[in-house]
Amino acid sequence: MKIRSPLLTKLVVATFTWGVRLLFCTLRRTFREETPGTNPYILSGDRRFLYCVWHDSIIVPIFAGRHAYTSALVSRHHDGSYIAGILKMVGMSSVRGSTKHGGASAVRQMMTTAKDKHIVITPDGPRGPRRKMQSGIVFLASHSGRAIVPTAYAGVREWRIKGSWTDLMIPKPFTKIFLMAGNPVEVPPDLSREEVARYTALVQDEMDRINVEVERMATSPSNENGRIAPPHSSADSPSKRARAGSRGKVAAKPTSGRDY
């Protein structure tokens, strides 16, 4: 059921936001970056990135740190109103729109609105399929000159709330959560349709790879009451390994982690 009353929508957003804020006060957080300078909560250098976040894990990056340097692309779909309201309450700006519609002019408008900030995008939203990369973020990267940073999140203990096409991960109180930023994927300008498809598959592989890695962190035997480790994803597929030789810019590097 959709809530059409603006006042009731604000009440729902405020109640949810404060509840999740209290929850995150109980959590221990570890952030790992494969490339230094890709932590979105810390301003480092002049580069600004496009952060790729799966729809089911969006709660963690929203509430895990201060958003002085990030903005988010939020769909004009009705559900986007809730997300935009939550982002506003946590101090994160939003750009309403789509990477699918409007072409280069829409991209330029988006870049003007968030020119000094990173942009967070959920490339499998707003209607799925779950964790299936759509090409909009690659199109945006190609026209903006910004590299794509894949991200992944997992908790030692967590809830999974089922939705119509995906679920929503919410960490349980007093658990430990892991946040990971992968190596930036550089996208050349003026890609052909075939090249857009190839880079979309490349980003999909990187998202799969680091999601497997962050799940391994969360299910490590050192984490008491950890969950059962998931099987390997398509990140380990032959096609992934075949592409690796031509992707020097996204080759894995030693990770560094810290609690904050």
C-alpha atoms as a PDB file:
ATOM      1  CA  MET A   1       0.000   0.000   0.000  1.00  0.00           C
ATOM      2  CA  LYS A   2       1.359   3.391  -1.012  1.00  0.00           C
ATOM      3  CA  ILE A   3       1.284   6.286   1.439  1.00  0.00           C
ATOM      4  CA  ARG A   4       0.084   9.368  -0.421  1.00  0.00           C
ATOM      5  CA  SER A   5      -0.093  11.806   2.484  1.00  0.00           C
ATOM      6  CA  PRO A   6       3.092  13.985   2.563  1.00  0.00           C
ATOM      7  CA  LEU A   7       2.753  14.387   6.345  1.00  0.00           C
ATOM      8  CA  LEU A   8       2.429  10.663   6.944  1.00  0.00           C
ATOM      9  CA  THR A   9       5.349  10.010   4.594  1.00  0.00           C
ATOM     10  CA  LYS A  10       7.540  12.378   6.624  1.00  0.00           C
ATOM     11  CA  LEU A  11       6.477  10.651   9.854  1.00  0.00           C
ATOM     12  CA  VAL A  12       7.344   7.206   8.484  1.00  0.00           C
ATOM     13  CA  VAL A  13      10.709   8.458   7.201  1.00  0.00           C
ATOM     14  CA  ALA A  14      11.584  10.168  10.509  1.00  0.00           C
ATOM     15  CA  THR A  15      10.611   7.142  12.612  1.00  0.00           C
ATOM     16  CA  PHE A  16      12.600   4.750  10.419  1.00  0.00           C
ATOM     17  CA  THR A  17      15.654   7.034  10.289  1.00  0.00           C
ATOM     18  CA  TRP A  18      15.913   7.564  14.030  1.00  0.00           C
ATOM     19  CA  GLY A  19      15.353   3.868  14.708  1.00  0.00           C
ATOM     20  CA  VAL A  20      18.158   2.810  12.353  1.00  0.00           C
ATOM     21  CA  ARG A  21      20.449   5.527  13.724  1.00  0.00           C
ATOM     22  CA  LEU A  22      20.020   4.097  17.223  1.00  0.00           C
ATOM     23  CA  LEU A  23      20.725   0.613  15.859  1.00  0.00           C
ATOM     24  CA  PHE A  24      23.962   1.731  14.202  1.00  0.00           C
ATOM     25  CA  CYS A  25      25.177   3.261  17.467  1.00  0.00           C
ATOM     26  CA  THR A  26      25.520  -0.325  18.746  1.00  0.00           C
ATOM     27  CA  LEU A  27      27.542  -1.654  15.807  1.00  0.00           C
ATOM     28  CA  ARG A  28      31.269  -2.171  15.286  1.00  0.00           C
ATOM     29  CA  ARG A  29      32.391  -1.167  11.792  1.00  0.00           C
ATOM     30  CA  THR A  30      35.392  -2.103   9.667  1.00  0.00           C
ATOM     31  CA  PHE A  31      36.045  -0.408   6.317  1.00  0.00           C
ATOM     32  CA  ARG A  32      38.462  -1.847   3.760  1.00  0.00           C
ATOM     33  CA  GLU A  33      39.586  -0.177   0.549  1.00  0.00           C
ATOM     34  CA  GLU A  34      41.533  -1.939  -2.189  1.00  0.00           C
ATOM     35  CA  THR A  35      42.748   1.404  -3.536  1.00  0.00           C
ATOM     36  CA  PRO A  36      43.705   4.196  -1.095  1.00  0.00           C
ATOM     37  CA  GLY A  37      41.499   7.279  -1.330  1.00  0.00           C
ATOM     38  CA  THR A  38      38.227   5.479  -2.101  1.00  0.00           C
ATOM     39  CA  ASN A  39      36.615   5.771   1.334  1.00  0.00           C
ATOM     40  CA  PRO A  40      33.522   7.943   0.657  1.00  0.00           C
ATOM     41  CA  TYR A  41      33.380   9.170   4.260  1.00  0.00           C
ATOM     42  CA  ILE A  42      36.852  10.738   4.082  1.00  0.00           C
ATOM     43  CA  LEU A  43      37.808  13.411   1.543  1.00  0.00           C
ATOM     44  CA  SER A  44      41.127  12.419  -0.015  1.00  0.00           C
ATOM     45  CA  GLY A  45      42.459  14.252  -3.055  1.00  0.00           C
ATOM     46  CA  ASP A  46      40.524  15.849  -5.886  1.00  0.00           C
ATOM     47  CA  ARG A  47      38.978  12.743  -7.449  1.00  0.00           C
ATOM     48  CA  ARG A  48      35.255  12.092  -7.239  1.00  0.00           C
ATOM     49  CA  PHE A  49      33.786   8.668  -7.931  1.00  0.00           C
ATOM     50  CA  LEU A  50      30.578   6.874  -8.822  1.00  0.00           C
ATOM     51  CA  TYR A  51      29.901   4.369  -6.016  1.00  0.00           C
ATOM     52  CA  CYS A  52      28.063   1.219  -7.071  1.00  0.00           C
ATOM     53  CA  VAL A  53      25.776  -0.178  -4.328  1.00  0.00           C
ATOM     54  CA  TRP A  54      23.338  -3.083  -4.592  1.00  0.00           C
ATOM     55  CA  HIS A  55      19.789  -2.140  -3.647  1.00  0.00           C
ATOM     56  CA  ASP A  56      19.543  -4.779  -0.892  1.00  0.00           C
ATOM     57  CA  SER A  57      22.487  -3.355   1.092  1.00  0.00           C
ATOM     58  CA  ILE A  58      21.713   0.369   0.801  1.00  0.00           C
ATOM     59  CA  ILE A  59      20.961   0.788   4.533  1.00  0.00           C
ATOM     60  CA  VAL A  60      24.600   0.173   5.529  1.00  0.00           C
ATOM     61  CA  PRO A  61      26.322   2.892   3.454  1.00  0.00           C
ATOM     62  CA  ILE A  62      23.594   5.405   4.342  1.00  0.00           C
ATOM     63  CA  PHE A  63      24.000   5.022   8.101  1.00  0.00           C
ATOM     64  CA  ALA A  64      27.599   3.813   8.549  1.00  0.00           C
ATOM     65  CA  GLY A  65      29.288   7.251   8.429  1.00  0.00           C
ATOM     66  CA  ARG A  66      28.958  11.006   7.892  1.00  0.00           C
ATOM     67  CA  HIS A  67      28.024  12.098   4.381  1.00  0.00           C
ATOM     68  CA  ALA A  68      29.826  15.375   3.929  1.00  0.00           C
ATOM     69  CA  TYR A  69      31.130  14.423   0.482  1.00  0.00           C
ATOM     70  CA  THR A  70      28.468  12.181  -1.063  1.00  0.00           C
ATOM     71  CA  SER A  71      25.267  12.579  -3.030  1.00  0.00           C
ATOM     72  CA  ALA A  72      22.945   9.866  -4.348  1.00  0.00           C
ATOM     73  CA  LEU A  73      21.034   9.326  -7.539  1.00  0.00           C
ATOM     74  CA  VAL A  74      17.447   8.593  -6.480  1.00  0.00           C
ATOM     75  CA  SER A  75      14.734   7.348  -8.811  1.00  0.00           C
ATOM     76  CA  ARG A  76      11.671   9.462  -9.557  1.00  0.00           C
ATOM     77  CA  HIS A  77       9.679   6.324  -8.781  1.00  0.00           C
ATOM     78  CA  HIS A  78       7.279   6.719  -5.789  1.00  0.00           C
ATOM     79  CA  ASP A  79       9.553   4.648  -3.518  1.00  0.00           C
ATOM     80  CA  GLY A  80      12.346   7.114  -4.248  1.00  0.00           C
ATOM     81  CA  SER A  81      10.518   9.694  -2.129  1.00  0.00           C
ATOM     82  CA  TYR A  82      11.205   7.624   0.978  1.00  0.00           C
ATOM     83  CA  ILE A  83      14.873   7.235   0.115  1.00  0.00           C
ATOM     84  CA  ALA A  84      15.250  10.953  -0.618  1.00  0.00           C
ATOM     85  CA  GLY A  85      13.651  11.789   2.740  1.00  0.00           C
ATOM     86  CA  ILE A  86      15.977   9.441   4.622  1.00  0.00           C
ATOM     87  CA  LEU A  87      19.027  10.856   2.836  1.00  0.00           C
ATOM     88  CA  LYS A  88      18.012  14.395   3.726  1.00  0.00           C
ATOM     89  CA  MET A  89      17.720  13.455   7.411  1.00  0.00           C
ATOM     90  CA  VAL A  90      21.246  12.000   7.492  1.00  0.00           C
ATOM     91  CA  GLY A  91      22.716  15.050   5.716  1.00  0.00           C
ATOM     92  CA  MET A  92      23.167  13.442   2.316  1.00  0.00           C
ATOM     93  CA  SER A  93      22.042  15.316  -0.795  1.00  0.00           C
ATOM     94  CA  SER A  94      20.173  13.556  -3.588  1.00  0.00           C
ATOM     95  CA  VAL A  95      19.677  13.983  -7.316  1.00  0.00           C
ATOM     96  CA  ARG A  96      16.280  12.799  -8.581  1.00  0.00           C
ATOM     97  CA  GLY A  97      16.509  11.232 -11.981  1.00  0.00           C
ATOM     98  CA  SER A  98      17.671   8.257 -13.990  1.00  0.00           C
ATOM     99  CA  THR A  99      20.797   7.176 -15.802  1.00  0.00           C
ATOM    100  CA  LYS A 100      18.561   5.645 -18.484  1.00  0.00           C
ATOM    101  CA  HIS A 101      16.673   8.727 -19.613  1.00  0.00           C
ATOM    102  CA  GLY A 102      17.776  12.147 -20.782  1.00  0.00           C
ATOM    103  CA  GLY A 103      21.085  11.226 -22.427  1.00  0.00           C
ATOM    104  CA  ALA A 104      24.154  13.417 -22.183  1.00  0.00           C
ATOM    105  CA  SER A 105      22.197  16.527 -21.147  1.00  0.00           C
ATOM    106  CA  ALA A 106      20.821  14.715 -18.087  1.00  0.00           C
ATOM    107  CA  VAL A 107      24.331  13.564 -17.213  1.00  0.00           C
ATOM    108  CA  ARG A 108      25.661  17.125 -17.398  1.00  0.00           C
ATOM    109  CA  GLN A 109      22.866  18.347 -15.132  1.00  0.00           C
ATOM    110  CA  MET A 110      23.645  15.589 -12.657  1.00  0.00           C
ATOM    111  CA  MET A 111      27.342  16.431 -12.655  1.00  0.00           C
ATOM    112  CA  THR A 112      26.588  20.119 -12.070  1.00  0.00           C
ATOM    113  CA  THR A 113      24.335  19.330  -9.124  1.00  0.00           C
ATOM    114  CA  ALA A 114      26.933  17.084  -7.463  1.00  0.00           C
ATOM    115  CA  LYS A 115      30.138  18.440  -8.999  1.00  0.00           C
ATOM    116  CA  ASP A 116      32.101  18.453  -5.722  1.00  0.00           C
ATOM    117  CA  LYS A 117      30.703  15.204  -4.352  1.00  0.00           C
ATOM    118  CA  HIS A 118      30.823  11.487  -4.965  1.00  0.00           C
ATOM    119  CA  ILE A 119      27.626  10.012  -6.411  1.00  0.00           C
ATOM    120  CA  VAL A 120      26.099   6.795  -5.074  1.00  0.00           C
ATOM    121  CA  ILE A 121      24.048   4.717  -7.521  1.00  0.00           C
ATOM    122  CA  THR A 122      22.048   1.485  -7.106  1.00  0.00           C
ATOM    123  CA  PRO A 123      22.373  -0.053 -10.591  1.00  0.00           C
ATOM    124  CA  ASP A 124      19.848  -2.855  -9.956  1.00  0.00           C
ATOM    125  CA  GLY A 125      17.049  -0.477  -8.877  1.00  0.00           C
ATOM    126  CA  PRO A 126      14.322   0.539  -8.709  1.00  0.00           C
ATOM    127  CA  ARG A 127      12.693  -2.689  -9.894  1.00  0.00           C
ATOM    128  CA  GLY A 128      15.476  -5.230 -10.328  1.00  0.00           C
ATOM    129  CA  PRO A 129      16.373  -7.937 -11.137  1.00  0.00           C
ATOM    130  CA  ARG A 130      18.202  -8.352  -7.823  1.00  0.00           C
ATOM    131  CA  ARG A 131      21.964  -7.742  -8.048  1.00  0.00           C
ATOM    132  CA  LYS A 132      21.823  -7.584 -11.838  1.00  0.00           C
ATOM    133  CA  MET A 133      23.855  -4.707 -13.244  1.00  0.00           C
ATOM    134  CA  GLN A 134      22.091  -2.299 -15.577  1.00  0.00           C
ATOM    135  CA  SER A 135      24.136  -0.211 -17.981  1.00  0.00           C
ATOM    136  CA  GLY A 136      23.188   3.259 -16.698  1.00  0.00           C
ATOM    137  CA  ILE A 137      26.156   3.635 -14.342  1.00  0.00           C
ATOM    138  CA  VAL A 138      28.578   2.774 -17.188  1.00  0.00           C
ATOM    139  CA  PHE A 139      26.876   5.333 -19.433  1.00  0.00           C
ATOM    140  CA  LEU A 140      27.221   7.924 -16.662  1.00  0.00           C
ATOM    141  CA  ALA A 141      30.883   7.056 -16.103  1.00  0.00           C
ATOM    142  CA  SER A 142      31.611   7.312 -19.824  1.00  0.00           C
ATOM    143  CA  HIS A 143      30.057  10.791 -20.077  1.00  0.00           C
ATOM    144  CA  SER A 144      31.309  12.171 -16.763  1.00  0.00           C
ATOM    145  CA  GLY A 145      34.897  10.922 -16.681  1.00  0.00           C
ATOM    146  CA  ARG A 146      34.403   9.477 -13.196  1.00  0.00           C
ATOM    147  CA  ALA A 147      35.596   5.980 -12.343  1.00  0.00           C
ATOM    148  CA  ILE A 148      33.180   3.430 -10.860  1.00  0.00           C
ATOM    149  CA  VAL A 149      33.998   2.111  -7.374  1.00  0.00           C
ATOM    150  CA  PRO A 150      32.279  -1.226  -6.633  1.00  0.00           C
ATOM    151  CA  THR A 151      31.215  -1.663  -3.004  1.00  0.00           C
ATOM    152  CA  ALA A 152      30.040  -4.509  -0.767  1.00  0.00           C
ATOM    153  CA  TYR A 153      28.654  -4.845   2.755  1.00  0.00           C
ATOM    154  CA  ALA A 154      27.957  -7.690   5.187  1.00  0.00           C
ATOM    155  CA  GLY A 155      27.180  -8.202   8.852  1.00  0.00           C
ATOM    156  CA  VAL A 156      28.133 -11.051  11.140  1.00  0.00           C
ATOM    157  CA  ARG A 157      24.480 -11.204  12.185  1.00  0.00           C
ATOM    158  CA  GLU A 158      21.755  -9.595  10.109  1.00  0.00           C
ATOM    159  CA  TRP A 159      18.077  -9.563   9.201  1.00  0.00           C
ATOM    160  CA  ARG A 160      16.851 -10.016   5.637  1.00  0.00           C
ATOM    161  CA  ILE A 161      13.515  -8.316   4.991  1.00  0.00           C
ATOM    162  CA  LYS A 162      11.824  -9.690   1.877  1.00  0.00           C
ATOM    163  CA  GLY A 163      10.417  -7.343  -0.738  1.00  0.00           C
ATOM    164  CA  SER A 164       8.705  -7.746  -4.095  1.00  0.00           C
ATOM    165  CA  TRP A 165      11.922  -8.218  -6.107  1.00  0.00           C
ATOM    166  CA  THR A 166      14.759  -8.033  -3.587  1.00  0.00           C
ATOM    167  CA  ASP A 167      15.394  -8.208   0.129  1.00  0.00           C
ATOM    168  CA  LEU A 168      16.842  -5.598   2.494  1.00  0.00           C
ATOM    169  CA  MET A 169      19.821  -6.313   4.733  1.00  0.00           C
ATOM    170  CA  ILE A 170      19.673  -4.749   8.209  1.00  0.00           C
ATOM    171  CA  PRO A 171      22.423  -5.591  10.753  1.00  0.00           C
ATOM    172  CA  LYS A 172      21.304  -6.935  14.119  1.00  0.00           C
ATOM    173  CA  PRO A 173      22.144  -4.917  17.254  1.00  0.00           C
ATOM    174  CA  PHE A 174      25.685  -5.160  18.698  1.00  0.00           C
ATOM    175  CA  THR A 175      27.053  -7.082  15.714  1.00  0.00           C
ATOM    176  CA  LYS A 176      30.047  -6.259  13.521  1.00  0.00           C
ATOM    177  CA  ILE A 177      29.647  -5.023   9.949  1.00  0.00           C
ATOM    178  CA  PHE A 178      32.150  -4.930   7.109  1.00  0.00           C
ATOM    179  CA  LEU A 179      32.253  -2.297   4.361  1.00  0.00           C
ATOM    180  CA  MET A 180      34.488  -2.719   1.320  1.00  0.00           C
ATOM    181  CA  ALA A 181      35.417  -0.493  -1.630  1.00  0.00           C
ATOM    182  CA  GLY A 182      36.949  -2.259  -4.612  1.00  0.00           C
ATOM    183  CA  ASN A 183      39.434  -0.974  -7.147  1.00  0.00           C
ATOM    184  CA  PRO A 184      38.033   1.842  -9.343  1.00  0.00           C
ATOM    185  CA  VAL A 185      36.955   0.777 -12.819  1.00  0.00           C
ATOM    186  CA  GLU A 186      37.987   3.359 -15.419  1.00  0.00           C
ATOM    187  CA  VAL A 187      35.501   3.734 -18.277  1.00  0.00           C
ATOM    188  CA  PRO A 188      36.628   5.356 -21.573  1.00  0.00           C
ATOM    189  CA  PRO A 189      34.527   8.121 -23.151  1.00  0.00           C
ATOM    190  CA  ASP A 190      32.142   7.701 -26.094  1.00  0.00           C
ATOM    191  CA  LEU A 191      31.604   3.971 -25.789  1.00  0.00           C
ATOM    192  CA  SER A 192      29.800   2.000 -28.472  1.00  0.00           C
ATOM    193  CA  ARG A 193      26.822  -0.152 -27.492  1.00  0.00           C
ATOM    194  CA  GLU A 194      29.025  -3.257 -27.514  1.00  0.00           C
ATOM    195  CA  GLU A 195      31.626  -1.566 -25.314  1.00  0.00           C
ATOM    196  CA  VAL A 196      28.929  -0.414 -22.849  1.00  0.00           C
ATOM    197  CA  ALA A 197      27.793  -4.043 -22.557  1.00  0.00           C
ATOM    198  CA  ARG A 198      31.379  -5.214 -21.994  1.00  0.00           C
ATOM    199  CA  TYR A 199      32.076  -2.676 -19.247  1.00  0.00           C
ATOM    200  CA  THR A 200      28.720  -3.416 -17.636  1.00  0.00           C
ATOM    201  CA  ALA A 201      29.750  -7.083 -17.431  1.00  0.00           C
ATOM    202  CA  LEU A 202      33.139  -6.035 -16.050  1.00  0.00           C
ATOM    203  CA  VAL A 203      31.556  -3.996 -13.228  1.00  0.00           C
ATOM    204  CA  GLN A 204      29.155  -6.887 -12.544  1.00  0.00           C
ATOM    205  CA  ASP A 205      32.144  -9.206 -12.122  1.00  0.00           C
ATOM    206  CA  GLU A 206      33.870  -6.793  -9.749  1.00  0.00           C
ATOM    207  CA  MET A 207      30.707  -6.422  -7.649  1.00  0.00           C
ATOM    208  CA  ASP A 208      30.356 -10.211  -7.490  1.00  0.00           C
ATOM    209  CA  ARG A 209      34.000 -10.610  -6.512  1.00  0.00           C
ATOM    210  CA  ILE A 210      34.068  -8.160  -3.633  1.00  0.00           C
ATOM    211  CA  ASN A 211      30.687  -9.323  -2.345  1.00  0.00           C
ATOM    212  CA  VAL A 212      32.156 -12.811  -2.021  1.00  0.00           C
ATOM    213  CA  GLU A 213      35.172 -11.283  -0.231  1.00  0.00           C
ATOM    214  CA  VAL A 214      33.136  -9.242   2.245  1.00  0.00           C
ATOM    215  CA  GLU A 215      30.946 -12.273   3.039  1.00  0.00           C
ATOM    216  CA  ARG A 216      34.118 -14.222   3.805  1.00  0.00           C
ATOM    217  CA  MET A 217      35.122 -11.506   6.258  1.00  0.00           C
ATOM    218  CA  ALA A 218      31.744 -11.670   7.975  1.00  0.00           C
ATOM    219  CA  THR A 219      31.714 -15.472   8.158  1.00  0.00           C
ATOM    220  CA  SER A 220      35.307 -15.832   9.358  1.00  0.00           C
ATOM    221  CA  PRO A 221      35.677 -18.243  12.305  1.00  0.00           C
ATOM    222  CA  SER A 222      37.083 -15.312  14.302  1.00  0.00           C
ATOM    223  CA  ASN A 223      33.605 -13.745  14.256  1.00  0.00           C
ATOM    224  CA  GLU A 224      31.624 -15.414  16.993  1.00  0.00           C
ATOM    225  CA  ASN A 225      28.161 -16.641  15.919  1.00  0.00           C
ATOM    226  CA  GLY A 226      29.091 -16.056  12.286  1.00  0.00           C
ATOM    227  CA  ARG A 227      26.900 -17.212   9.398  1.00  0.00           C
ATOM    228  CA  ILE A 228      27.576 -20.031   6.955  1.00  0.00           C
ATOM    229  CA  ALA A 229      29.903 -18.848   4.198  1.00  0.00           C
ATOM    230  CA  PRO A 230      28.241 -18.500   0.756  1.00  0.00           C
ATOM    231  CA  PRO A 231      29.466 -20.414  -2.316  1.00  0.00           C
ATOM    232  CA  HIS A 232      31.703 -18.768  -4.901  1.00  0.00           C
ATOM    233  CA  SER A 233      29.889 -16.388  -7.229  1.00  0.00           C
ATOM    234  CA  SER A 234      30.248 -15.786 -10.962  1.00  0.00           C
ATOM    235  CA  ALA A 235      33.251 -13.605 -10.086  1.00  0.00           C
ATOM    236  CA  ASP A 236      35.302 -16.834 -10.299  1.00  0.00           C
ATOM    237  CA  SER A 237      33.894 -17.899 -13.651  1.00  0.00           C
ATOM    238  CA  PRO A 238      36.108 -18.678 -16.678  1.00  0.00           C
ATOM    239  CA  SER A 239      34.793 -15.591 -18.478  1.00  0.00           C
ATOM    240  CA  LYS A 240      35.876 -13.444 -15.527  1.00  0.00           C
ATOM    241  CA  ARG A 241      39.384 -14.898 -15.602  1.00  0.00           C
ATOM    242  CA  ALA A 242      39.585 -14.485 -19.367  1.00  0.00           C
ATOM    243  CA  ARG A 243      38.835 -10.768 -19.066  1.00  0.00           C
ATOM    244  CA  ALA A 244      41.264 -10.234 -16.198  1.00  0.00           C
ATOM    245  CA  GLY A 245      44.310 -10.058 -18.440  1.00  0.00           C
ATOM    246  CA  SER A 246      43.091  -6.879 -20.149  1.00  0.00           C
ATOM    247  CA  ARG A 247      42.021  -5.111 -16.967  1.00  0.00           C
ATOM    248  CA  GLY A 248      45.207  -3.962 -15.292  1.00  0.00           C
ATOM    249  CA  LYS A 249      43.447  -0.972 -13.756  1.00  0.00           C
ATOM    250  CA  VAL A 250      41.132  -3.116 -11.665  1.00  0.00           C
ATOM    251  CA  ALA A 251      43.505  -5.883 -10.619  1.00  0.00           C
ATOM    252  CA  ALA A 252      43.228  -6.766  -6.938  1.00  0.00           C
ATOM    253  CA  LYS A 253      45.576  -5.051  -4.530  1.00  0.00           C
ATOM    254  CA  PRO A 254      46.315  -5.795  -0.873  1.00  0.00           C
ATOM    255  CA  THR A 255      43.465  -4.502   1.220  1.00  0.00           C
ATOM    256  CA  SER A 256      43.762  -2.317   4.249  1.00  0.00           C
ATOM    257  CA  GLY A 257      41.183  -2.212   7.020  1.00  0.00           C
ATOM    258  CA  ARG A 258      40.381  -0.151  10.053  1.00  0.00           C
ATOM    259  CA  ASP A 259      37.657   0.149  12.618  1.00  0.00           C
ATOM    260  CA  TYR A 260      36.036   3.541  12.967  1.00  0.00           C
END
